[in-house]
Amino acid sequence: MMNGWRSFQLLVVLLTIVWALFLSVSMILGLIISATLENPWSEGQFVRVFVGAAVFITWVVVWQKLAEIWLYDIMLRRRRDG
């Protein structure tokens, strides 16, 4: 029973980290995109949109790697050990 509770706690920690990353990325994208929408289109605006897309893609890659490391390495190792 304790092993299942530990896995649940680890999963909650993972979701908390991912949620914090999501909020951070949302704030960054909000700042980038709102500045882009408020001003007339120019070359600098294209750079802002590109940076916004790069931030979002980076967040997706980091989230995927974090989940992969967390779920496969940490949780499966604990299952084998316990």
C-alpha atoms as a PDB file:
ATOM      1  CA  MET A   1       0.000   0.000   0.000  1.00  0.00           C
ATOM      2  CA  MET A   2       2.814   2.411   0.832  1.00  0.00           C
ATOM      3  CA  ASN A   3       4.447   1.870  -2.570  1.00  0.00           C
ATOM      4  CA  GLY A   4       1.275   2.973  -4.356  1.00  0.00           C
ATOM      5  CA  TRP A   5       1.045   6.080  -2.182  1.00  0.00           C
ATOM      6  CA  ARG A   6       4.669   6.976  -2.985  1.00  0.00           C
ATOM      7  CA  SER A   7       3.983   6.623  -6.716  1.00  0.00           C
ATOM      8  CA  PHE A   8       0.948   8.865  -6.352  1.00  0.00           C
ATOM      9  CA  GLN A   9       3.032  11.488  -4.538  1.00  0.00           C
ATOM     10  CA  LEU A  10       5.669  11.382  -7.284  1.00  0.00           C
ATOM     11  CA  LEU A  11       2.987  11.793  -9.930  1.00  0.00           C
ATOM     12  CA  VAL A  12       1.530  14.807  -8.094  1.00  0.00           C
ATOM     13  CA  VAL A  13       5.002  16.381  -7.916  1.00  0.00           C
ATOM     14  CA  LEU A  14       5.458  15.808 -11.662  1.00  0.00           C
ATOM     15  CA  LEU A  15       2.101  17.416 -12.436  1.00  0.00           C
ATOM     16  CA  THR A  16       2.930  20.369 -10.162  1.00  0.00           C
ATOM     17  CA  ILE A  17       6.226  20.955 -11.975  1.00  0.00           C
ATOM     18  CA  VAL A  18       4.555  20.705 -15.387  1.00  0.00           C
ATOM     19  CA  TRP A  19       1.774  23.073 -14.271  1.00  0.00           C
ATOM     20  CA  ALA A  20       4.329  25.631 -13.015  1.00  0.00           C
ATOM     21  CA  LEU A  21       6.200  25.389 -16.324  1.00  0.00           C
ATOM     22  CA  PHE A  22       2.913  25.828 -18.214  1.00  0.00           C
ATOM     23  CA  LEU A  23       2.044  28.965 -16.237  1.00  0.00           C
ATOM     24  CA  SER A  24       5.521  30.409 -16.840  1.00  0.00           C
ATOM     25  CA  VAL A  25       5.380  29.724 -20.559  1.00  0.00           C
ATOM     26  CA  SER A  26       1.850  31.124 -20.770  1.00  0.00           C
ATOM     27  CA  MET A  27       3.025  34.339 -19.124  1.00  0.00           C
ATOM     28  CA  ILE A  28       5.995  34.646 -21.472  1.00  0.00           C
ATOM     29  CA  LEU A  29       3.848  33.966 -24.528  1.00  0.00           C
ATOM     30  CA  GLY A  30       1.238  36.434 -23.284  1.00  0.00           C
ATOM     31  CA  LEU A  31       3.832  39.174 -22.988  1.00  0.00           C
ATOM     32  CA  ILE A  32       5.294  38.408 -26.403  1.00  0.00           C
ATOM     33  CA  ILE A  33       1.989  38.012 -28.243  1.00  0.00           C
ATOM     34  CA  SER A  34       0.194  40.973 -26.628  1.00  0.00           C
ATOM     35  CA  ALA A  35       3.069  43.288 -27.574  1.00  0.00           C
ATOM     36  CA  THR A  36       2.857  41.931 -31.108  1.00  0.00           C
ATOM     37  CA  LEU A  37      -0.896  42.505 -31.403  1.00  0.00           C
ATOM     38  CA  GLU A  38      -0.803  46.037 -29.972  1.00  0.00           C
ATOM     39  CA  ASN A  39       1.688  47.410 -32.510  1.00  0.00           C
ATOM     40  CA  PRO A  40       1.507  47.681 -36.313  1.00  0.00           C
ATOM     41  CA  TRP A  41       3.191  44.843 -38.212  1.00  0.00           C
ATOM     42  CA  SER A  42       6.914  45.181 -38.835  1.00  0.00           C
ATOM     43  CA  GLU A  43      10.036  43.043 -39.050  1.00  0.00           C
ATOM     44  CA  GLY A  44      10.407  43.123 -35.271  1.00  0.00           C
ATOM     45  CA  GLN A  45       6.938  41.645 -34.931  1.00  0.00           C
ATOM     46  CA  PHE A  46       7.946  38.634 -37.007  1.00  0.00           C
ATOM     47  CA  VAL A  47      10.850  38.042 -34.621  1.00  0.00           C
ATOM     48  CA  ARG A  48       8.455  38.214 -31.636  1.00  0.00           C
ATOM     49  CA  VAL A  49       6.121  35.662 -33.213  1.00  0.00           C
ATOM     50  CA  PHE A  50       9.084  33.406 -34.009  1.00  0.00           C
ATOM     51  CA  VAL A  51      10.376  33.707 -30.429  1.00  0.00           C
ATOM     52  CA  GLY A  52       6.900  32.911 -29.113  1.00  0.00           C
ATOM     53  CA  ALA A  53       6.699  29.782 -31.258  1.00  0.00           C
ATOM     54  CA  ALA A  54      10.216  28.768 -30.169  1.00  0.00           C
ATOM     55  CA  VAL A  55       9.284  29.191 -26.492  1.00  0.00           C
ATOM     56  CA  PHE A  56       6.192  27.046 -26.949  1.00  0.00           C
ATOM     57  CA  ILE A  57       8.070  24.299 -28.830  1.00  0.00           C
ATOM     58  CA  THR A  58      10.811  24.335 -26.181  1.00  0.00           C
ATOM     59  CA  TRP A  59       8.175  23.933 -23.455  1.00  0.00           C
ATOM     60  CA  VAL A  60       6.661  20.930 -25.248  1.00  0.00           C
ATOM     61  CA  VAL A  61      10.073  19.266 -25.642  1.00  0.00           C
ATOM     62  CA  VAL A  62      11.040  19.928 -22.001  1.00  0.00           C
ATOM     63  CA  TRP A  63       7.675  18.624 -20.776  1.00  0.00           C
ATOM     64  CA  GLN A  64       8.038  15.454 -22.857  1.00  0.00           C
ATOM     65  CA  LYS A  65      11.589  14.794 -21.635  1.00  0.00           C
ATOM     66  CA  LEU A  66      10.638  15.523 -18.029  1.00  0.00           C
ATOM     67  CA  ALA A  67       7.708  13.140 -18.200  1.00  0.00           C
ATOM     68  CA  GLU A  68       9.836  10.485 -19.889  1.00  0.00           C
ATOM     69  CA  ILE A  69      12.603  10.717 -17.299  1.00  0.00           C
ATOM     70  CA  TRP A  70      10.172  10.929 -14.404  1.00  0.00           C
ATOM     71  CA  LEU A  71       7.852   8.128 -15.394  1.00  0.00           C
ATOM     72  CA  TYR A  72      10.322   5.655 -16.847  1.00  0.00           C
ATOM     73  CA  ASP A  73      13.476   6.208 -14.817  1.00  0.00           C
ATOM     74  CA  ILE A  74      12.201   7.262 -11.399  1.00  0.00           C
ATOM     75  CA  MET A  75       8.880   5.460 -11.063  1.00  0.00           C
ATOM     76  CA  LEU A  76       9.876   2.193 -12.765  1.00  0.00           C
ATOM     77  CA  ARG A  77      13.143   2.081 -10.817  1.00  0.00           C
ATOM     78  CA  ARG A  78      11.183   2.446  -7.575  1.00  0.00           C
ATOM     79  CA  ARG A  79       8.821  -0.325  -8.654  1.00  0.00           C
ATOM     80  CA  ARG A  80      11.749  -2.665  -9.356  1.00  0.00           C
ATOM     81  CA  ASP A  81      13.432  -1.765  -6.057  1.00  0.00           C
ATOM     82  CA  GLY A  82      10.288  -2.061  -3.939  1.00  0.00           C
END
